[in-house]
Protein backbone atom coordinates (compact mmCIF):
# COMPACT_ATOMS: atom_id res chain seq x y z
CA MET A 1 0.07 -0.13 0.03
CA MET A 2 1.47 3.22 -0.94
CA TRP A 3 0.85 6.26 1.41
CA GLY A 4 0.52 9.92 0.36
CA ASN A 5 -0.07 8.75 -3.53
CA GLY A 6 3.31 7.49 -4.07
CA TYR A 7 5.67 10.06 -2.46
CA GLY A 8 5.96 8.04 1.13
CA MET A 9 7.35 10.28 3.91
CA LEU A 10 8.76 12.89 1.38
CA GLY A 11 5.38 14.03 0.73
CA GLY A 12 4.61 14.62 4.56
CA LEU A 13 7.84 16.76 4.89
CA MET A 14 7.35 18.69 1.89
CA MET A 15 4.14 19.60 3.04
CA ILE A 16 5.54 20.88 6.64
CA VAL A 17 8.18 22.83 4.85
CA PHE A 18 5.73 24.18 2.32
CA TRP A 19 3.24 25.81 4.96
CA GLY A 20 6.33 26.63 6.77
CA VAL A 21 7.51 28.92 4.35
CA ILE A 22 3.87 30.16 3.70
CA ILE A 23 3.71 31.37 7.24
CA ALA A 24 7.13 32.82 7.69
CA LEU A 25 6.07 34.83 4.29
CA VAL A 26 2.90 36.27 5.79
CA VAL A 27 4.85 37.02 9.26
CA LEU A 28 7.51 39.12 7.16
CA ALA A 29 4.68 41.02 5.17
CA VAL A 30 2.87 41.91 8.72
CA LYS A 31 6.38 43.18 10.18
CA TRP A 32 6.95 44.89 6.75
CA VAL A 33 3.81 46.73 6.47
CA SER A 34 3.31 47.66 10.23
CA PRO A 35 4.38 50.89 11.60
CA ASN A 36 7.70 50.95 13.43
CA ARG A 37 7.54 51.51 16.98
CA PRO A 38 10.09 52.36 19.60
CA ASP A 39 11.30 49.62 21.88
CA ASP A 40 11.39 51.35 25.03
CA GLY A 41 7.65 51.90 25.23
CA ARG A 42 8.10 55.21 26.50
CA GLY A 43 6.41 57.34 23.50
CA LYS A 44 8.12 60.84 22.70
CA ARG A 45 9.68 62.59 25.06
CA ASP A 46 9.86 66.58 24.93
CA ALA A 47 12.74 68.73 25.25
CA LEU A 48 12.56 69.44 28.88
CA ASP A 49 12.36 65.57 29.66
CA ILE A 50 15.51 65.32 27.34
CA LEU A 51 16.92 68.20 29.82
CA ARG A 52 16.25 66.57 33.18
CA GLU A 53 17.87 63.43 32.06
CA ARG A 54 20.96 64.90 31.36
CA PHE A 55 21.01 67.06 34.47
CA ALA A 56 20.38 64.06 36.18
CA ALA A 57 23.11 62.16 34.49
CA GLY A 58 25.54 64.63 35.52
CA GLU A 59 26.28 66.14 31.75
CA ILE A 60 25.24 69.78 32.56
CA GLU A 61 25.46 71.58 35.54
CA GLU A 62 22.58 73.36 37.80
CA GLU A 63 23.27 77.13 36.25
CA GLU A 64 23.04 75.37 32.51
CA PHE A 65 20.01 73.56 33.45
CA GLU A 66 18.15 76.34 34.90
CA ARG A 67 19.16 78.60 31.82
CA ARG A 68 17.93 76.00 29.41
CA LYS A 69 14.64 75.31 31.13
CA LYS A 70 13.79 79.09 31.40
CA SER A 71 14.24 79.38 27.62
CA LEU A 72 12.12 76.20 26.79
CA GLU A 73 9.51 77.45 28.90
CA LYS A 74 9.12 80.77 27.03
């Protein structure tokens, strides 16, 4: 008795490979079409948030922080 119309185990393996390729193509198409999102999940940061982070990290002094903060609040 022949299984799979004479293709035996190869027919079953090829079916699995075929559907795997189809699913991979669908996943890649969805990733290509969907908009890119930032990985950090925090969304957009405004200039004041960036300024606060720089001050907290010690990149800028307090005088410069206050001066730039006043400039941004205008």
